[in-house]
Amino acid sequence: MQQKEEASEEELRQQKAEMQQKEEALATRLMHTINEMETISEQLADERRQNGQKGAALEEAKNEVAKIRDMKIRLESERNDLKRKLESAEDDYNKLRGVKIRLESE
């Protein structure tokens, strides 16, 4: 009977040793998984930060494009005003030239 008890105790010791090995292996895998998750979290945080910076740069670029578009519209308007003034000045010049020629011919 004592041999049976000793065999049972040895079996229990072996099972306990196997369970400790499995526990250590699981703990190692768990730590590895936690480290991987931390690395992935850091990468995601970096990507999120970079995307935020890209978004801010894109927004700034959009604002600059809008300013340039507004400036283009103002310059086109000013150019059209100057063009009308030049045409008016040319018309006045031609009228004055015609008056001058008539006066000289009299």
C-alpha atoms as a PDB file:
ATOM      1  CA  MET A   1       0.000   0.000   0.000  1.00  0.00           C
ATOM      2  CA  GLN A   2       2.839   2.311   0.816  1.00  0.00           C
ATOM      3  CA  GLN A   3       4.243   1.664  -2.643  1.00  0.00           C
ATOM      4  CA  LYS A   4       0.943   2.760  -4.150  1.00  0.00           C
ATOM      5  CA  GLU A   5       0.975   5.932  -2.091  1.00  0.00           C
ATOM      6  CA  GLU A   6       4.571   6.607  -3.057  1.00  0.00           C
ATOM      7  CA  ALA A   7       3.717   5.997  -6.721  1.00  0.00           C
ATOM      8  CA  SER A   8       0.739   8.328  -6.409  1.00  0.00           C
ATOM      9  CA  GLU A   9       2.887  10.963  -4.758  1.00  0.00           C
ATOM     10  CA  GLU A  10       5.510  10.625  -7.499  1.00  0.00           C
ATOM     11  CA  GLU A  11       2.789  10.913 -10.120  1.00  0.00           C
ATOM     12  CA  LEU A  12       1.449  14.015  -8.380  1.00  0.00           C
ATOM     13  CA  ARG A  13       4.956  15.508  -8.268  1.00  0.00           C
ATOM     14  CA  GLN A  14       5.368  14.850 -11.978  1.00  0.00           C
ATOM     15  CA  GLN A  15       1.978  16.374 -12.745  1.00  0.00           C
ATOM     16  CA  LYS A  16       2.848  19.358 -10.574  1.00  0.00           C
ATOM     17  CA  ALA A  17       6.189  19.768 -12.390  1.00  0.00           C
ATOM     18  CA  GLU A  18       4.445  19.515 -15.785  1.00  0.00           C
ATOM     19  CA  MET A  19       1.840  22.047 -14.719  1.00  0.00           C
ATOM     20  CA  GLN A  20       4.564  24.429 -13.512  1.00  0.00           C
ATOM     21  CA  GLN A  21       6.330  24.082 -16.867  1.00  0.00           C
ATOM     22  CA  LYS A  22       3.074  24.762 -18.701  1.00  0.00           C
ATOM     23  CA  GLU A  23       2.392  27.724 -16.407  1.00  0.00           C
ATOM     24  CA  GLU A  24       5.853  29.140 -17.086  1.00  0.00           C
ATOM     25  CA  ALA A  25       5.399  28.621 -20.833  1.00  0.00           C
ATOM     26  CA  LEU A  26       2.013  30.347 -20.696  1.00  0.00           C
ATOM     27  CA  ALA A  27       3.457  33.209 -18.640  1.00  0.00           C
ATOM     28  CA  THR A  28       6.262  33.601 -21.195  1.00  0.00           C
ATOM     29  CA  ARG A  29       3.760  33.592 -24.078  1.00  0.00           C
ATOM     30  CA  LEU A  30       1.573  36.059 -22.201  1.00  0.00           C
ATOM     31  CA  MET A  31       4.515  38.434 -21.652  1.00  0.00           C
ATOM     32  CA  HIS A  32       5.448  38.125 -25.319  1.00  0.00           C
ATOM     33  CA  THR A  33       1.868  38.881 -26.332  1.00  0.00           C
ATOM     34  CA  ILE A  34       1.732  41.862 -23.965  1.00  0.00           C
ATOM     35  CA  ASN A  35       4.994  43.200 -25.424  1.00  0.00           C
ATOM     36  CA  GLU A  36       3.622  42.781 -28.953  1.00  0.00           C
ATOM     37  CA  MET A  37       0.422  44.588 -27.975  1.00  0.00           C
ATOM     38  CA  GLU A  38       2.438  47.453 -26.467  1.00  0.00           C
ATOM     39  CA  THR A  39       4.527  47.687 -29.645  1.00  0.00           C
ATOM     40  CA  ILE A  40       1.409  47.695 -31.800  1.00  0.00           C
ATOM     41  CA  SER A  41      -0.195  50.325 -29.556  1.00  0.00           C
ATOM     42  CA  GLU A  42       2.892  52.526 -29.876  1.00  0.00           C
ATOM     43  CA  GLN A  43       2.894  52.090 -33.653  1.00  0.00           C
ATOM     44  CA  LEU A  44      -0.788  52.987 -33.824  1.00  0.00           C
ATOM     45  CA  ALA A  45      -0.195  56.043 -31.644  1.00  0.00           C
ATOM     46  CA  ASP A  46       2.652  57.129 -33.938  1.00  0.00           C
ATOM     47  CA  GLU A  47       0.490  56.595 -37.018  1.00  0.00           C
ATOM     48  CA  ARG A  48      -2.366  58.534 -35.409  1.00  0.00           C
ATOM     49  CA  ARG A  49       0.031  61.391 -34.577  1.00  0.00           C
ATOM     50  CA  GLN A  50       1.439  61.359 -38.107  1.00  0.00           C
ATOM     51  CA  ASN A  51      -2.066  61.322 -39.579  1.00  0.00           C
ATOM     52  CA  GLY A  52      -2.959  64.252 -37.341  1.00  0.00           C
ATOM     53  CA  GLN A  53       0.075  66.148 -38.591  1.00  0.00           C
ATOM     54  CA  LYS A  54      -0.767  65.272 -42.189  1.00  0.00           C
ATOM     55  CA  GLY A  55      -4.356  66.378 -41.613  1.00  0.00           C
ATOM     56  CA  ALA A  56      -3.185  69.687 -40.156  1.00  0.00           C
ATOM     57  CA  ALA A  57      -0.781  70.201 -43.073  1.00  0.00           C
ATOM     58  CA  LEU A  58      -3.550  69.353 -45.538  1.00  0.00           C
ATOM     59  CA  GLU A  59      -5.911  71.809 -43.851  1.00  0.00           C
ATOM     60  CA  GLU A  60      -3.229  74.493 -43.982  1.00  0.00           C
ATOM     61  CA  ALA A  61      -2.631  73.758 -47.667  1.00  0.00           C
ATOM     62  CA  LYS A  62      -6.376  74.011 -48.352  1.00  0.00           C
ATOM     63  CA  ASN A  63      -6.440  77.384 -46.614  1.00  0.00           C
ATOM     64  CA  GLU A  64      -3.475  78.571 -48.693  1.00  0.00           C
ATOM     65  CA  VAL A  65      -5.174  77.399 -51.895  1.00  0.00           C
ATOM     66  CA  ALA A  66      -8.331  79.279 -50.889  1.00  0.00           C
ATOM     67  CA  LYS A  67      -6.277  82.442 -50.245  1.00  0.00           C
ATOM     68  CA  ILE A  68      -4.556  82.096 -53.618  1.00  0.00           C
ATOM     69  CA  ARG A  69      -7.913  81.527 -55.331  1.00  0.00           C
ATOM     70  CA  ASP A  70      -9.337  84.657 -53.663  1.00  0.00           C
ATOM     71  CA  MET A  71      -6.257  86.640 -54.649  1.00  0.00           C
ATOM     72  CA  LYS A  72      -6.571  85.386 -58.246  1.00  0.00           C
ATOM     73  CA  ILE A  73     -10.211  86.503 -58.367  1.00  0.00           C
ATOM     74  CA  ARG A  74      -9.288  89.946 -56.981  1.00  0.00           C
ATOM     75  CA  LEU A  75      -6.402  90.305 -59.442  1.00  0.00           C
ATOM     76  CA  GLU A  76      -8.604  89.265 -62.367  1.00  0.00           C
ATOM     77  CA  SER A  77     -11.192  91.806 -61.279  1.00  0.00           C
ATOM     78  CA  GLU A  78      -8.546  94.513 -60.953  1.00  0.00           C
ATOM     79  CA  ARG A  79      -7.121  93.554 -64.360  1.00  0.00           C
ATOM     80  CA  ASN A  80     -10.586  93.832 -65.914  1.00  0.00           C
ATOM     81  CA  ASP A  81     -11.066  97.270 -64.284  1.00  0.00           C
ATOM     82  CA  LEU A  82      -7.695  98.431 -65.602  1.00  0.00           C
ATOM     83  CA  LYS A  83      -8.523  97.034 -69.039  1.00  0.00           C
ATOM     84  CA  ARG A  84     -11.797  99.003 -69.094  1.00  0.00           C
ATOM     85  CA  LYS A  85      -9.968 102.155 -67.968  1.00  0.00           C
ATOM     86  CA  LEU A  86      -7.348 101.640 -70.691  1.00  0.00           C
ATOM     87  CA  GLU A  87     -10.051 101.153 -73.326  1.00  0.00           C
ATOM     88  CA  SER A  88     -11.792 104.295 -72.069  1.00  0.00           C
ATOM     89  CA  ALA A  89      -8.505 106.226 -72.144  1.00  0.00           C
ATOM     90  CA  GLU A  90      -7.841 104.975 -75.690  1.00  0.00           C
ATOM     91  CA  ASP A  91     -11.340 106.088 -76.730  1.00  0.00           C
ATOM     92  CA  ASP A  92     -10.734 109.525 -75.149  1.00  0.00           C
ATOM     93  CA  TYR A  93      -7.346 109.747 -76.880  1.00  0.00           C
ATOM     94  CA  ASN A  94      -8.883 108.859 -80.249  1.00  0.00           C
ATOM     95  CA  LYS A  95     -11.642 111.459 -79.739  1.00  0.00           C
ATOM     96  CA  LEU A  96      -9.085 114.124 -78.791  1.00  0.00           C
ATOM     97  CA  ARG A  97      -6.939 113.166 -81.777  1.00  0.00           C
ATOM     98  CA  GLY A  98      -9.974 113.520 -84.036  1.00  0.00           C
ATOM     99  CA  VAL A  99     -10.719 116.947 -82.532  1.00  0.00           C
ATOM    100  CA  LYS A 100      -7.077 117.981 -82.996  1.00  0.00           C
ATOM    101  CA  ILE A 101      -7.094 116.887 -86.641  1.00  0.00           C
ATOM    102  CA  ARG A 102     -10.311 118.850 -87.279  1.00  0.00           C
ATOM    103  CA  LEU A 103      -8.891 121.898 -85.556  1.00  0.00           C
ATOM    104  CA  GLU A 104      -5.688 121.704 -87.559  1.00  0.00           C
ATOM    105  CA  SER A 105      -7.620 121.356 -90.802  1.00  0.00           C
ATOM    106  CA  GLU A 106      -9.659 124.500 -90.184  1.00  0.00           C
END
